[in-house]
Amino acid sequence: MSKKRFFTAIQSLMAVAAMATALSGTAYAADEDWPKEITLGYQKYGSLIILKSTGELEKRLQEHGVTVNWAEFQFGPPMLEALNAGSLDFAITGETPPVAAQASKGSSIVYIANEPASPQGEGIVVKADSELKTIADLKGKKVAVAKGSNAHFFLIQALAKAGLTLDDISVAYLAPADARAALERGDVAAWSIWDYFYAAAEIQLGARALTTGEGIVNNYAFYTSRRDFAEKYPALLDAVLDEVRKTDQWIKENPAEASQKLAAHVGIDAKILEKALRRSNYGPEPLKPEVTAAQQKIADTLLAVKLLPNQIKVQDAVWQPQGK
């Protein structure tokens, strides 16, 4: 090879190397806007489990060098405790847990989006052979509910509609699995609960609902994060919600197939999951004023019955992305 051809080849290699370095530098600079990892909290039901099973979120985020972690919780309050503590970056719960989390000392919880109302997805159930027929019949009875959950607020509102308060019943604060067992044993007369546990009680225990949430509560689901995380990584949260929307749309269009897919991952009868999925509404969207107002009503109600330590303004925790 002549000297001229040799030096030309060297120059070409140097140009390629320089371009690669430049591209590498550009990618690195762009990825400074993305964290090394994100941890999502979910419950044993819903869109996030299906999204987790598809691996689509991992595929989307790997180009930015983001590792996706998942953490399962039985219900909302402990999940949001973990979020506030920094162990999670993103979570989905019912209506009440974010209110309680915002009221906790040093909270950095922010609302990112909400799923549409699904009031039919909650019920206050009794055993099939129970003599109780109405919510008014609960007076003096023991009722199970998960403390601080969306079903807790539902119970308060259902009682109020019947002219009762929590003081008119005996409340047993139990996690869902323990509450179901208590209902089966007859240790409690009723159970205030959400899907899929609600559907499971109907199908497996033959339980019947004294009332659903219709006309009583909204039963929104909320996606939450921490303020520092949301402000630092807005593009990441947009990407996560976009993948959730795609998953939600698929579930909405294919509830039977979705229930089968979900059943394979959570070990719950597909018939139970399909019943729950069909009475849920889908599609995360930014909080509208009426949704924020509904959350404020929950906060004010819980404060009035001394289940909230201090007054909060829900609007303060609604994340407003810059430029939107």
C-alpha atoms as a PDB file:
ATOM      1  CA  MET A   1       0.000   0.000   0.000  1.00  0.00           C
ATOM      2  CA  SER A   2       1.332   3.397  -0.989  1.00  0.00           C
ATOM      3  CA  LYS A   3       1.939   6.064   1.627  1.00  0.00           C
ATOM      4  CA  LYS A   4      -0.839   8.153   0.106  1.00  0.00           C
ATOM      5  CA  ARG A   5      -3.380   5.301   0.291  1.00  0.00           C
ATOM      6  CA  PHE A   6      -2.175   4.428   3.799  1.00  0.00           C
ATOM      7  CA  PHE A   7      -2.650   7.978   5.093  1.00  0.00           C
ATOM      8  CA  THR A   8      -6.047   8.193   3.336  1.00  0.00           C
ATOM      9  CA  ALA A   9      -7.157   5.012   5.096  1.00  0.00           C
ATOM     10  CA  ILE A  10      -5.913   6.336   8.450  1.00  0.00           C
ATOM     11  CA  GLN A  11      -7.777   9.603   7.905  1.00  0.00           C
ATOM     12  CA  SER A  12     -10.955   7.681   7.074  1.00  0.00           C
ATOM     13  CA  LEU A  13     -10.643   5.594  10.240  1.00  0.00           C
ATOM     14  CA  MET A  14     -10.046   8.729  12.292  1.00  0.00           C
ATOM     15  CA  ALA A  15     -13.130  10.348  10.757  1.00  0.00           C
ATOM     16  CA  VAL A  16     -15.249   7.296  11.606  1.00  0.00           C
ATOM     17  CA  ALA A  17     -13.865   7.265  15.157  1.00  0.00           C
ATOM     18  CA  ALA A  18     -14.556  10.974  15.545  1.00  0.00           C
ATOM     19  CA  MET A  19     -18.106  10.490  14.333  1.00  0.00           C
ATOM     20  CA  ALA A  20     -18.643   7.567  16.726  1.00  0.00           C
ATOM     21  CA  THR A  21     -17.294   9.634  19.583  1.00  0.00           C
ATOM     22  CA  ALA A  22     -19.564  12.506  18.666  1.00  0.00           C
ATOM     23  CA  LEU A  23     -22.593  10.229  18.461  1.00  0.00           C
ATOM     24  CA  SER A  24     -21.646   8.577  21.721  1.00  0.00           C
ATOM     25  CA  GLY A  25     -21.306  11.966  23.353  1.00  0.00           C
ATOM     26  CA  THR A  26     -24.677  13.062  21.999  1.00  0.00           C
ATOM     27  CA  ALA A  27     -26.368   9.899  23.291  1.00  0.00           C
ATOM     28  CA  TYR A  28     -24.771  10.294  26.672  1.00  0.00           C
ATOM     29  CA  ALA A  29     -25.829  13.927  26.912  1.00  0.00           C
ATOM     30  CA  ALA A  30     -29.417  13.045  25.982  1.00  0.00           C
ATOM     31  CA  ASP A  31     -29.499  10.225  28.508  1.00  0.00           C
ATOM     32  CA  GLU A  32     -28.536  12.571  31.296  1.00  0.00           C
ATOM     33  CA  ASP A  33     -32.260  13.379  31.281  1.00  0.00           C
ATOM     34  CA  TRP A  34     -33.056   9.756  32.125  1.00  0.00           C
ATOM     35  CA  PRO A  35     -32.285   7.872  35.362  1.00  0.00           C
ATOM     36  CA  LYS A  36     -30.349   4.622  35.516  1.00  0.00           C
ATOM     37  CA  GLU A  37     -33.449   2.801  36.760  1.00  0.00           C
ATOM     38  CA  ILE A  38     -37.113   3.163  37.656  1.00  0.00           C
ATOM     39  CA  THR A  39     -39.065   1.072  40.160  1.00  0.00           C
ATOM     40  CA  LEU A  40     -42.793   0.712  39.630  1.00  0.00           C
ATOM     41  CA  GLY A  41     -45.222  -0.359  42.339  1.00  0.00           C
ATOM     42  CA  TYR A  42     -48.279  -2.386  41.384  1.00  0.00           C
ATOM     43  CA  GLN A  43     -50.970  -4.569  42.927  1.00  0.00           C
ATOM     44  CA  LYS A  44     -51.951  -8.120  42.020  1.00  0.00           C
ATOM     45  CA  TYR A  45     -54.346  -6.946  39.335  1.00  0.00           C
ATOM     46  CA  GLY A  46     -54.527  -4.448  36.503  1.00  0.00           C
ATOM     47  CA  SER A  47     -52.729  -2.943  33.549  1.00  0.00           C
ATOM     48  CA  LEU A  48     -49.253  -2.778  35.053  1.00  0.00           C
ATOM     49  CA  ILE A  49     -49.051  -6.559  35.449  1.00  0.00           C
ATOM     50  CA  ILE A  50     -49.849  -7.051  31.776  1.00  0.00           C
ATOM     51  CA  LEU A  51     -47.390  -4.318  30.814  1.00  0.00           C
ATOM     52  CA  LYS A  52     -44.795  -6.055  32.987  1.00  0.00           C
ATOM     53  CA  SER A  53     -45.478  -9.374  31.269  1.00  0.00           C
ATOM     54  CA  THR A  54     -45.027  -7.973  27.757  1.00  0.00           C
ATOM     55  CA  GLY A  55     -41.643  -6.400  28.391  1.00  0.00           C
ATOM     56  CA  GLU A  56     -42.651  -3.454  26.192  1.00  0.00           C
ATOM     57  CA  LEU A  57     -41.677  -0.857  28.780  1.00  0.00           C
ATOM     58  CA  GLU A  58     -38.249  -2.436  29.150  1.00  0.00           C
ATOM     59  CA  LYS A  59     -37.791  -2.384  25.369  1.00  0.00           C
ATOM     60  CA  ARG A  60     -38.749   1.260  25.161  1.00  0.00           C
ATOM     61  CA  LEU A  61     -36.515   2.408  27.994  1.00  0.00           C
ATOM     62  CA  GLN A  62     -33.445   0.329  27.228  1.00  0.00           C
ATOM     63  CA  GLU A  63     -32.428   2.757  24.469  1.00  0.00           C
ATOM     64  CA  HIS A  64     -32.011   5.345  27.214  1.00  0.00           C
ATOM     65  CA  GLY A  65     -30.137   2.938  29.470  1.00  0.00           C
ATOM     66  CA  VAL A  66     -32.978   2.737  32.017  1.00  0.00           C
ATOM     67  CA  THR A  67     -33.427  -0.496  33.963  1.00  0.00           C
ATOM     68  CA  VAL A  68     -37.033  -1.287  34.942  1.00  0.00           C
ATOM     69  CA  ASN A  69     -37.783  -2.799  38.349  1.00  0.00           C
ATOM     70  CA  TRP A  70     -41.171  -3.980  39.651  1.00  0.00           C
ATOM     71  CA  ALA A  71     -42.481  -4.249  43.223  1.00  0.00           C
ATOM     72  CA  GLU A  72     -45.789  -5.903  44.170  1.00  0.00           C
ATOM     73  CA  PHE A  73     -47.976  -4.737  47.065  1.00  0.00           C
ATOM     74  CA  GLN A  74     -51.238  -6.128  48.439  1.00  0.00           C
ATOM     75  CA  PHE A  75     -52.896  -2.713  48.633  1.00  0.00           C
ATOM     76  CA  GLY A  76     -52.281   1.011  48.312  1.00  0.00           C
ATOM     77  CA  PRO A  77     -51.208   2.561  51.645  1.00  0.00           C
ATOM     78  CA  PRO A  78     -47.974   0.564  52.096  1.00  0.00           C
ATOM     79  CA  MET A  79     -47.161   1.150  48.439  1.00  0.00           C
ATOM     80  CA  LEU A  80     -47.330   4.901  48.847  1.00  0.00           C
ATOM     81  CA  GLU A  81     -45.343   4.714  52.064  1.00  0.00           C
ATOM     82  CA  ALA A  82     -42.631   3.095  49.963  1.00  0.00           C
ATOM     83  CA  LEU A  83     -43.030   5.805  47.323  1.00  0.00           C
ATOM     84  CA  ASN A  84     -42.674   8.567  49.906  1.00  0.00           C
ATOM     85  CA  ALA A  85     -39.630   6.798  51.332  1.00  0.00           C
ATOM     86  CA  GLY A  86     -37.943   6.722  47.918  1.00  0.00           C
ATOM     87  CA  SER A  87     -38.140   2.946  47.447  1.00  0.00           C
ATOM     88  CA  LEU A  88     -40.516   3.414  44.497  1.00  0.00           C
ATOM     89  CA  ASP A  89     -40.617   5.960  41.693  1.00  0.00           C
ATOM     90  CA  PHE A  90     -44.067   5.296  40.257  1.00  0.00           C
ATOM     91  CA  ALA A  91     -47.202   3.690  41.679  1.00  0.00           C
ATOM     92  CA  ILE A  92     -50.878   3.070  41.014  1.00  0.00           C
ATOM     93  CA  THR A  93     -53.496   3.024  43.777  1.00  0.00           C
ATOM     94  CA  GLY A  94     -57.107   3.864  44.426  1.00  0.00           C
ATOM     95  CA  GLU A  95     -58.464   7.205  45.575  1.00  0.00           C
ATOM     96  CA  THR A  96     -57.744   7.329  49.286  1.00  0.00           C
ATOM     97  CA  PRO A  97     -54.066   6.284  49.612  1.00  0.00           C
ATOM     98  CA  PRO A  98     -52.689   9.397  47.838  1.00  0.00           C
ATOM     99  CA  VAL A  99     -54.685  11.631  50.188  1.00  0.00           C
ATOM    100  CA  ALA A 100     -53.263   9.901  53.258  1.00  0.00           C
ATOM    101  CA  ALA A 101     -49.775   9.907  51.746  1.00  0.00           C
ATOM    102  CA  GLN A 102     -49.921  13.639  51.020  1.00  0.00           C
ATOM    103  CA  ALA A 103     -50.896  14.293  54.651  1.00  0.00           C
ATOM    104  CA  SER A 104     -47.866  12.431  56.012  1.00  0.00           C
ATOM    105  CA  LYS A 105     -44.909  14.451  57.269  1.00  0.00           C
ATOM    106  CA  GLY A 106     -42.373  15.365  54.605  1.00  0.00           C
ATOM    107  CA  SER A 107     -44.491  13.946  51.790  1.00  0.00           C
ATOM    108  CA  SER A 108     -43.326  14.503  48.211  1.00  0.00           C
ATOM    109  CA  ILE A 109     -46.187  12.603  46.556  1.00  0.00           C
ATOM    110  CA  VAL A 110     -47.532  14.041  43.305  1.00  0.00           C
ATOM    111  CA  TYR A 111     -50.449  12.946  41.137  1.00  0.00           C
ATOM    112  CA  ILE A 112     -49.306  12.184  37.584  1.00  0.00           C
ATOM    113  CA  ALA A 113     -52.548  10.945  35.996  1.00  0.00           C
ATOM    114  CA  ASN A 114     -55.770   9.100  36.714  1.00  0.00           C
ATOM    115  CA  GLU A 115     -57.798   6.307  35.170  1.00  0.00           C
ATOM    116  CA  PRO A 116     -61.514   7.054  34.566  1.00  0.00           C
ATOM    117  CA  ALA A 117     -64.048   6.430  37.339  1.00  0.00           C
ATOM    118  CA  SER A 118     -65.115   2.803  37.864  1.00  0.00           C
ATOM    119  CA  PRO A 119     -67.647   2.933  40.724  1.00  0.00           C
ATOM    120  CA  GLN A 120     -69.014  -0.520  39.916  1.00  0.00           C
ATOM    121  CA  GLY A 121     -65.608  -1.965  40.827  1.00  0.00           C
ATOM    122  CA  GLU A 122     -66.238  -1.626  44.570  1.00  0.00           C
ATOM    123  CA  GLY A 123     -68.767  -3.405  46.755  1.00  0.00           C
ATOM    124  CA  ILE A 124     -69.777  -3.948  50.362  1.00  0.00           C
ATOM    125  CA  VAL A 125     -70.412  -7.677  50.420  1.00  0.00           C
ATOM    126  CA  VAL A 126     -71.987 -10.173  52.797  1.00  0.00           C
ATOM    127  CA  LYS A 127     -72.220 -13.957  52.737  1.00  0.00           C
ATOM    128  CA  ALA A 128     -74.921 -15.447  50.548  1.00  0.00           C
ATOM    129  CA  ASP A 129     -76.992 -16.586  53.532  1.00  0.00           C
ATOM    130  CA  SER A 130     -76.640 -13.328  55.477  1.00  0.00           C
ATOM    131  CA  GLU A 131     -79.842 -11.794  56.840  1.00  0.00           C
ATOM    132  CA  LEU A 132     -78.497  -8.320  56.037  1.00  0.00           C
ATOM    133  CA  LYS A 133     -80.246  -6.690  53.089  1.00  0.00           C
ATOM    134  CA  THR A 134     -79.258  -3.014  53.169  1.00  0.00           C
ATOM    135  CA  ILE A 135     -76.438  -0.792  54.378  1.00  0.00           C
ATOM    136  CA  ALA A 136     -78.722   0.394  57.197  1.00  0.00           C
ATOM    137  CA  ASP A 137     -78.711  -3.214  58.477  1.00  0.00           C
ATOM    138  CA  LEU A 138     -74.993  -2.858  59.252  1.00  0.00           C
ATOM    139  CA  LYS A 139     -75.760  -0.844  62.386  1.00  0.00           C
ATOM    140  CA  GLY A 140     -74.077  -2.562  65.326  1.00  0.00           C
ATOM    141  CA  LYS A 141     -72.316  -5.063  63.024  1.00  0.00           C
ATOM    142  CA  LYS A 142     -68.622  -5.674  62.430  1.00  0.00           C
ATOM    143  CA  VAL A 143     -67.359  -4.676  58.984  1.00  0.00           C
ATOM    144  CA  ALA A 144     -63.920  -5.435  57.546  1.00  0.00           C
ATOM    145  CA  VAL A 145     -61.988  -2.920  55.471  1.00  0.00           C
ATOM    146  CA  ALA A 146     -58.370  -2.097  54.675  1.00  0.00           C
ATOM    147  CA  LYS A 147     -57.487   1.056  56.596  1.00  0.00           C
ATOM    148  CA  GLY A 148     -56.688   4.025  54.381  1.00  0.00           C
ATOM    149  CA  SER A 149     -57.791   2.234  51.219  1.00  0.00           C
ATOM    150  CA  ASN A 150     -60.302   3.444  48.644  1.00  0.00           C
ATOM    151  CA  ALA A 151     -62.772   0.952  50.157  1.00  0.00           C
ATOM    152  CA  HIS A 152     -62.411   2.764  53.489  1.00  0.00           C
ATOM    153  CA  PHE A 153     -63.746   6.015  52.056  1.00  0.00           C
ATOM    154  CA  PHE A 154     -66.403   4.025  50.183  1.00  0.00           C
ATOM    155  CA  LEU A 155     -67.575   2.516  53.467  1.00  0.00           C
ATOM    156  CA  ILE A 156     -67.789   5.953  55.087  1.00  0.00           C
ATOM    157  CA  GLN A 157     -69.819   7.332  52.189  1.00  0.00           C
ATOM    158  CA  ALA A 158     -72.113   4.307  51.952  1.00  0.00           C
ATOM    159  CA  LEU A 159     -72.852   4.549  55.668  1.00  0.00           C
ATOM    160  CA  ALA A 160     -73.525   8.281  55.379  1.00  0.00           C
ATOM    161  CA  LYS A 161     -76.007   7.668  52.564  1.00  0.00           C
ATOM    162  CA  ALA A 162     -77.846   5.297  54.923  1.00  0.00           C
ATOM    163  CA  GLY A 163     -77.760   7.828  57.760  1.00  0.00           C
ATOM    164  CA  LEU A 164     -74.970   6.070  59.650  1.00  0.00           C
ATOM    165  CA  THR A 165     -71.343   6.784  60.581  1.00  0.00           C
ATOM    166  CA  LEU A 166     -68.344   4.637  61.459  1.00  0.00           C
ATOM    167  CA  ASP A 167     -69.383   5.012  65.107  1.00  0.00           C
ATOM    168  CA  ASP A 168     -72.552   3.035  64.324  1.00  0.00           C
ATOM    169  CA  ILE A 169     -70.581  -0.067  63.348  1.00  0.00           C
ATOM    170  CA  SER A 170     -67.557  -1.983  64.587  1.00  0.00           C
ATOM    171  CA  VAL A 171     -64.718  -1.600  62.118  1.00  0.00           C
ATOM    172  CA  ALA A 172     -62.186  -4.408  61.656  1.00  0.00           C
ATOM    173  CA  TYR A 173     -59.132  -3.023  59.881  1.00  0.00           C
ATOM    174  CA  LEU A 174     -57.838  -5.965  57.875  1.00  0.00           C
ATOM    175  CA  ALA A 175     -55.793  -6.470  54.700  1.00  0.00           C
ATOM    176  CA  PRO A 176     -57.831  -8.056  51.878  1.00  0.00           C
ATOM    177  CA  ALA A 177     -56.707 -11.651  52.400  1.00  0.00           C
ATOM    178  CA  ASP A 178     -57.409 -11.491  56.130  1.00  0.00           C
ATOM    179  CA  ALA A 179     -60.733  -9.726  55.574  1.00  0.00           C
ATOM    180  CA  ARG A 180     -61.916 -12.418  53.174  1.00  0.00           C
ATOM    181  CA  ALA A 181     -61.012 -15.139  55.660  1.00  0.00           C
ATOM    182  CA  ALA A 182     -62.850 -13.256  58.405  1.00  0.00           C
ATOM    183  CA  LEU A 183     -65.960 -13.015  56.240  1.00  0.00           C
ATOM    184  CA  GLU A 184     -65.832 -16.735  55.450  1.00  0.00           C
ATOM    185  CA  ARG A 185     -65.521 -17.615  59.152  1.00  0.00           C
ATOM    186  CA  GLY A 186     -68.324 -15.280  60.096  1.00  0.00           C
ATOM    187  CA  ASP A 187     -66.021 -13.110  62.220  1.00  0.00           C
ATOM    188  CA  VAL A 188     -67.293 -10.052  60.342  1.00  0.00           C
ATOM    189  CA  ALA A 189     -70.756  -9.411  58.947  1.00  0.00           C
ATOM    190  CA  ALA A 190     -69.623  -7.539  55.855  1.00  0.00           C
ATOM    191  CA  TRP A 191     -66.564  -6.534  53.869  1.00  0.00           C
ATOM    192  CA  SER A 192     -65.927  -3.294  51.961  1.00  0.00           C
ATOM    193  CA  ILE A 193     -63.636  -4.165  49.081  1.00  0.00           C
ATOM    194  CA  TRP A 194     -62.488  -3.415  45.533  1.00  0.00           C
ATOM    195  CA  ASP A 195     -61.837  -5.567  42.463  1.00  0.00           C
ATOM    196  CA  TYR A 196     -60.452  -8.142  41.846  1.00  0.00           C
ATOM    197  CA  PHE A 197     -61.110  -9.199  45.473  1.00  0.00           C
ATOM    198  CA  TYR A 198     -64.725  -8.111  45.073  1.00  0.00           C
ATOM    199  CA  ALA A 199     -65.254 -10.291  41.991  1.00  0.00           C
ATOM    200  CA  ALA A 200     -63.494 -13.211  43.709  1.00  0.00           C
ATOM    201  CA  ALA A 201     -65.854 -12.967  46.697  1.00  0.00           C
ATOM    202  CA  GLU A 202     -68.864 -13.018  44.364  1.00  0.00           C
ATOM    203  CA  ILE A 203     -67.687 -15.957  42.249  1.00  0.00           C
ATOM    204  CA  GLN A 204     -65.870 -18.110  44.792  1.00  0.00           C
ATOM    205  CA  LEU A 205     -67.858 -17.397  47.958  1.00  0.00           C
ATOM    206  CA  GLY A 206     -71.213 -16.579  46.420  1.00  0.00           C
ATOM    207  CA  ALA A 207     -71.079 -13.280  48.279  1.00  0.00           C
ATOM    208  CA  ARG A 208     -73.632 -10.625  47.391  1.00  0.00           C
ATOM    209  CA  ALA A 209     -73.287  -6.868  47.465  1.00  0.00           C
ATOM    210  CA  LEU A 210     -75.405  -4.703  49.735  1.00  0.00           C
ATOM    211  CA  THR A 211     -74.301  -1.885  47.446  1.00  0.00           C
ATOM    212  CA  THR A 212     -71.692  -1.097  44.822  1.00  0.00           C
ATOM    213  CA  GLY A 213     -69.902   2.216  44.533  1.00  0.00           C
ATOM    214  CA  GLU A 214     -72.334   3.522  41.919  1.00  0.00           C
ATOM    215  CA  GLY A 215     -73.910   6.747  43.078  1.00  0.00           C
ATOM    216  CA  ILE A 216     -71.622   6.794  46.120  1.00  0.00           C
ATOM    217  CA  VAL A 217     -67.972   7.075  45.033  1.00  0.00           C
ATOM    218  CA  ASN A 218     -66.015   7.581  41.816  1.00  0.00           C
ATOM    219  CA  ASN A 219     -63.364   4.922  42.383  1.00  0.00           C
ATOM    220  CA  TYR A 220     -60.663   6.567  40.308  1.00  0.00           C
ATOM    221  CA  ALA A 221     -57.244   4.945  40.075  1.00  0.00           C
ATOM    222  CA  PHE A 222     -54.242   7.288  40.348  1.00  0.00           C
ATOM    223  CA  TYR A 223     -50.704   7.130  39.026  1.00  0.00           C
ATOM    224  CA  THR A 224     -48.339   8.872  41.415  1.00  0.00           C
ATOM    225  CA  SER A 225     -44.662   9.680  41.740  1.00  0.00           C
ATOM    226  CA  ARG A 226     -42.378  11.862  43.882  1.00  0.00           C
ATOM    227  CA  ARG A 227     -42.061  15.525  43.033  1.00  0.00           C
ATOM    228  CA  ASP A 228     -38.265  15.472  42.669  1.00  0.00           C
ATOM    229  CA  PHE A 229     -38.422  12.434  40.365  1.00  0.00           C
ATOM    230  CA  ALA A 230     -41.246  13.854  38.243  1.00  0.00           C
ATOM    231  CA  GLU A 231     -39.550  17.213  37.810  1.00  0.00           C
ATOM    232  CA  LYS A 232     -36.206  15.651  36.914  1.00  0.00           C
ATOM    233  CA  TYR A 233     -37.511  12.954  34.545  1.00  0.00           C
ATOM    234  CA  PRO A 234     -40.727  14.149  32.857  1.00  0.00           C
ATOM    235  CA  ALA A 235     -39.890  12.399  29.578  1.00  0.00           C
ATOM    236  CA  LEU A 236     -39.588   9.101  31.418  1.00  0.00           C
ATOM    237  CA  LEU A 237     -43.014   9.479  33.025  1.00  0.00           C
ATOM    238  CA  ASP A 238     -44.503  10.390  29.640  1.00  0.00           C
ATOM    239  CA  ALA A 239     -43.014   7.210  28.190  1.00  0.00           C
ATOM    240  CA  VAL A 240     -44.375   5.062  31.020  1.00  0.00           C
ATOM    241  CA  LEU A 241     -47.874   6.521  30.706  1.00  0.00           C
ATOM    242  CA  ASP A 242     -47.788   6.088  26.942  1.00  0.00           C
ATOM    243  CA  GLU A 243     -47.071   2.377  27.365  1.00  0.00           C
ATOM    244  CA  VAL A 244     -49.832   2.145  29.987  1.00  0.00           C
ATOM    245  CA  ARG A 245     -52.286   3.734  27.539  1.00  0.00           C
ATOM    246  CA  LYS A 246     -51.395   1.176  24.868  1.00  0.00           C
ATOM    247  CA  THR A 247     -51.872  -1.634  27.376  1.00  0.00           C
ATOM    248  CA  ASP A 248     -55.161  -0.169  28.600  1.00  0.00           C
ATOM    249  CA  GLN A 249     -56.489   0.070  25.053  1.00  0.00           C
ATOM    250  CA  TRP A 250     -55.615  -3.569  24.402  1.00  0.00           C
ATOM    251  CA  ILE A 251     -57.359  -4.667  27.616  1.00  0.00           C
ATOM    252  CA  LYS A 252     -60.438  -2.628  26.738  1.00  0.00           C
ATOM    253  CA  GLU A 253     -60.645  -4.248  23.309  1.00  0.00           C
ATOM    254  CA  ASN A 254     -59.710  -7.767  24.478  1.00  0.00           C
ATOM    255  CA  PRO A 255     -61.022  -8.330  28.048  1.00  0.00           C
ATOM    256  CA  ALA A 256     -61.318 -12.115  27.706  1.00  0.00           C
ATOM    257  CA  GLU A 257     -57.790 -12.508  26.334  1.00  0.00           C
ATOM    258  CA  ALA A 258     -56.474  -9.996  28.863  1.00  0.00           C
ATOM    259  CA  SER A 259     -58.005 -11.945  31.732  1.00  0.00           C
ATOM    260  CA  GLN A 260     -56.330 -15.136  30.494  1.00  0.00           C
ATOM    261  CA  LYS A 261     -52.991 -13.387  30.214  1.00  0.00           C
ATOM    262  CA  LEU A 262     -53.400 -11.819  33.634  1.00  0.00           C
ATOM    263  CA  ALA A 263     -54.451 -15.143  35.176  1.00  0.00           C
ATOM    264  CA  ALA A 264     -51.270 -16.789  33.959  1.00  0.00           C
ATOM    265  CA  HIS A 265     -49.186 -14.273  35.877  1.00  0.00           C
ATOM    266  CA  VAL A 266     -51.140 -13.852  39.112  1.00  0.00           C
ATOM    267  CA  GLY A 267     -52.642 -17.295  39.637  1.00  0.00           C
ATOM    268  CA  ILE A 268     -56.241 -16.043  39.835  1.00  0.00           C
ATOM    269  CA  ASP A 269     -59.155 -17.647  37.964  1.00  0.00           C
ATOM    270  CA  ALA A 270     -59.596 -15.896  34.617  1.00  0.00           C
ATOM    271  CA  LYS A 271     -63.388 -15.719  35.147  1.00  0.00           C
ATOM    272  CA  ILE A 272     -62.816 -13.587  38.230  1.00  0.00           C
ATOM    273  CA  LEU A 273     -60.402 -11.299  36.446  1.00  0.00           C
ATOM    274  CA  GLU A 274     -62.629 -10.937  33.393  1.00  0.00           C
ATOM    275  CA  LYS A 275     -65.565  -9.881  35.570  1.00  0.00           C
ATOM    276  CA  ALA A 276     -63.371  -7.266  37.234  1.00  0.00           C
ATOM    277  CA  LEU A 277     -61.835  -6.055  33.961  1.00  0.00           C
ATOM    278  CA  ARG A 278     -65.230  -5.630  32.300  1.00  0.00           C
ATOM    279  CA  ARG A 279     -66.438  -3.259  35.008  1.00  0.00           C
ATOM    280  CA  SER A 280     -63.309  -1.130  34.908  1.00  0.00           C
ATOM    281  CA  ASN A 281     -62.679   1.904  32.719  1.00  0.00           C
ATOM    282  CA  TYR A 282     -59.365   2.617  31.039  1.00  0.00           C
ATOM    283  CA  GLY A 283     -57.076   5.328  29.735  1.00  0.00           C
ATOM    284  CA  PRO A 284     -54.810   7.470  31.957  1.00  0.00           C
ATOM    285  CA  GLU A 285     -55.234  11.211  31.580  1.00  0.00           C
ATOM    286  CA  PRO A 286     -54.074  14.359  33.413  1.00  0.00           C
ATOM    287  CA  LEU A 287     -56.202  15.297  36.412  1.00  0.00           C
ATOM    288  CA  LYS A 288     -59.126  17.551  35.510  1.00  0.00           C
ATOM    289  CA  PRO A 289     -60.525  20.077  38.012  1.00  0.00           C
ATOM    290  CA  GLU A 290     -63.451  17.813  38.855  1.00  0.00           C
ATOM    291  CA  VAL A 291     -61.106  14.942  39.685  1.00  0.00           C
ATOM    292  CA  THR A 292     -58.989  17.155  41.929  1.00  0.00           C
ATOM    293  CA  ALA A 293     -62.187  18.408  43.595  1.00  0.00           C
ATOM    294  CA  ALA A 294     -63.301  14.825  44.220  1.00  0.00           C
ATOM    295  CA  GLN A 295     -59.959  14.061  45.877  1.00  0.00           C
ATOM    296  CA  GLN A 296     -60.317  17.181  48.013  1.00  0.00           C
ATOM    297  CA  LYS A 297     -63.710  15.920  49.165  1.00  0.00           C
ATOM    298  CA  ILE A 298     -62.069  12.695  50.291  1.00  0.00           C
ATOM    299  CA  ALA A 299     -59.402  14.645  52.178  1.00  0.00           C
ATOM    300  CA  ASP A 300     -61.990  16.836  53.903  1.00  0.00           C
ATOM    301  CA  THR A 301     -64.149  13.829  54.795  1.00  0.00           C
ATOM    302  CA  LEU A 302     -61.260  11.897  56.300  1.00  0.00           C
ATOM    303  CA  LEU A 303     -60.181  14.963  58.272  1.00  0.00           C
ATOM    304  CA  ALA A 304     -63.702  15.368  59.657  1.00  0.00           C
ATOM    305  CA  VAL A 305     -63.742  11.772  60.964  1.00  0.00           C
ATOM    306  CA  LYS A 306     -60.192  12.144  62.319  1.00  0.00           C
ATOM    307  CA  LEU A 307     -58.644   9.678  59.889  1.00  0.00           C
ATOM    308  CA  LEU A 308     -56.343  12.353  58.470  1.00  0.00           C
ATOM    309  CA  PRO A 309     -53.770  14.035  60.762  1.00  0.00           C
ATOM    310  CA  ASN A 310     -53.970  17.460  59.155  1.00  0.00           C
ATOM    311  CA  GLN A 311     -55.692  19.420  56.422  1.00  0.00           C
ATOM    312  CA  ILE A 312     -54.232  19.254  52.943  1.00  0.00           C
ATOM    313  CA  LYS A 313     -54.816  20.974  49.623  1.00  0.00           C
ATOM    314  CA  VAL A 314     -54.889  18.287  46.961  1.00  0.00           C
ATOM    315  CA  GLN A 315     -54.137  20.764  44.185  1.00  0.00           C
ATOM    316  CA  ASP A 316     -50.686  21.298  45.720  1.00  0.00           C
ATOM    317  CA  ALA A 317     -49.839  17.695  44.874  1.00  0.00           C
ATOM    318  CA  VAL A 318     -51.045  17.734  41.269  1.00  0.00           C
ATOM    319  CA  TRP A 319     -47.979  17.661  39.050  1.00  0.00           C
ATOM    320  CA  GLN A 320     -47.883  20.307  36.347  1.00  0.00           C
ATOM    321  CA  PRO A 321     -45.209  19.484  33.732  1.00  0.00           C
ATOM    322  CA  GLN A 322     -43.359  22.563  32.510  1.00  0.00           C
ATOM    323  CA  GLY A 323     -44.552  23.750  29.137  1.00  0.00           C
ATOM    324  CA  LYS A 324     -47.899  21.977  29.402  1.00  0.00           C
END
